Amino acid sequence: MSFWESQPVAYSLDREPCFAFSLMWENYRIRSIHLPETDLASTESSEIESHS
């Protein structure tokens, strides 16, 4: 199961809400916090382009 948590889990220094993305299994959980300006799609594509 994976999902975005509906409530902010922290706030940036500019007081912008930061949200958490969770990956869950029966006995294990990975939780990552994302800043408001973080765009995962553009970051991943720029990393791929920079390696070519």
C-alpha atoms as a PDB file:
ATOM      1  CA  MET A   1       0.000   0.000   0.000  1.00  0.00           C
ATOM      2  CA  SER A   2       1.214   3.525  -0.733  1.00  0.00           C
ATOM      3  CA  PHE A   3      -0.445   6.885  -0.103  1.00  0.00           C
ATOM      4  CA  TRP A   4       0.036  10.596   0.574  1.00  0.00           C
ATOM      5  CA  GLU A   5      -0.905  11.556   4.136  1.00  0.00           C
ATOM      6  CA  SER A   6      -3.766  14.028   4.164  1.00  0.00           C
ATOM      7  CA  GLN A   7      -2.447  16.343   6.897  1.00  0.00           C
ATOM      8  CA  PRO A   8       0.854  18.291   6.876  1.00  0.00           C
ATOM      9  CA  VAL A   9       3.488  16.488   8.944  1.00  0.00           C
ATOM     10  CA  ALA A  10       5.858  19.466   9.198  1.00  0.00           C
ATOM     11  CA  TYR A  11       6.342  23.018   7.958  1.00  0.00           C
ATOM     12  CA  SER A  12       9.203  24.585   6.003  1.00  0.00           C
ATOM     13  CA  LEU A  13      11.078  27.648   7.262  1.00  0.00           C
ATOM     14  CA  ASP A  14       8.693  29.717   5.094  1.00  0.00           C
ATOM     15  CA  ARG A  15       5.771  28.103   6.964  1.00  0.00           C
ATOM     16  CA  GLU A  16       4.681  26.103   3.912  1.00  0.00           C
ATOM     17  CA  PRO A  17       3.164  22.690   4.688  1.00  0.00           C
ATOM     18  CA  CYS A  18       5.269  19.580   4.031  1.00  0.00           C
ATOM     19  CA  PHE A  19       3.477  16.329   3.298  1.00  0.00           C
ATOM     20  CA  ALA A  20       4.503  12.718   3.807  1.00  0.00           C
ATOM     21  CA  PHE A  21       4.314   9.830   1.372  1.00  0.00           C
ATOM     22  CA  SER A  22       4.055   6.394   2.968  1.00  0.00           C
ATOM     23  CA  LEU A  23       4.839   2.928   1.661  1.00  0.00           C
ATOM     24  CA  MET A  24       3.431   0.263   3.985  1.00  0.00           C
ATOM     25  CA  TRP A  25       3.691  -3.482   4.339  1.00  0.00           C
ATOM     26  CA  GLU A  26       2.314  -5.674   7.120  1.00  0.00           C
ATOM     27  CA  ASN A  27       5.250  -5.080   9.475  1.00  0.00           C
ATOM     28  CA  TYR A  28       7.274  -2.263   7.876  1.00  0.00           C
ATOM     29  CA  ARG A  29       6.719   1.368   6.861  1.00  0.00           C
ATOM     30  CA  ILE A  30       8.782   3.846   4.847  1.00  0.00           C
ATOM     31  CA  ARG A  31       7.765   7.460   5.241  1.00  0.00           C
ATOM     32  CA  SER A  32       9.295  10.297   3.215  1.00  0.00           C
ATOM     33  CA  ILE A  33       8.675  13.990   3.776  1.00  0.00           C
ATOM     34  CA  HIS A  34       8.435  16.319   0.774  1.00  0.00           C
ATOM     35  CA  LEU A  35       8.863  20.080   0.748  1.00  0.00           C
ATOM     36  CA  PRO A  36       6.132  22.105  -0.995  1.00  0.00           C
ATOM     37  CA  GLU A  37       8.356  23.107  -3.943  1.00  0.00           C
ATOM     38  CA  THR A  38       9.560  19.533  -4.557  1.00  0.00           C
ATOM     39  CA  ASP A  39       8.319  18.196  -7.895  1.00  0.00           C
ATOM     40  CA  LEU A  40       9.201  14.499  -7.975  1.00  0.00           C
ATOM     41  CA  ALA A  41       8.472  14.016 -11.681  1.00  0.00           C
ATOM     42  CA  SER A  42      10.761  16.830 -12.820  1.00  0.00           C
ATOM     43  CA  THR A  43      13.530  15.796 -10.398  1.00  0.00           C
ATOM     44  CA  GLU A  44      13.522  12.211 -11.644  1.00  0.00           C
ATOM     45  CA  SER A  45      13.512  13.234 -15.299  1.00  0.00           C
ATOM     46  CA  SER A  46      16.348  15.725 -14.799  1.00  0.00           C
ATOM     47  CA  GLU A  47      18.437  13.038 -13.065  1.00  0.00           C
ATOM     48  CA  ILE A  48      17.901  10.674 -15.970  1.00  0.00           C
ATOM     49  CA  GLU A  49      18.786  13.370 -18.497  1.00  0.00           C
ATOM     50  CA  SER A  50      21.942  14.388 -16.591  1.00  0.00           C
ATOM     51  CA  HIS A  51      23.308  10.813 -16.739  1.00  0.00           C
ATOM     52  CA  SER A  52      23.022  10.465 -20.509  1.00  0.00           C
END
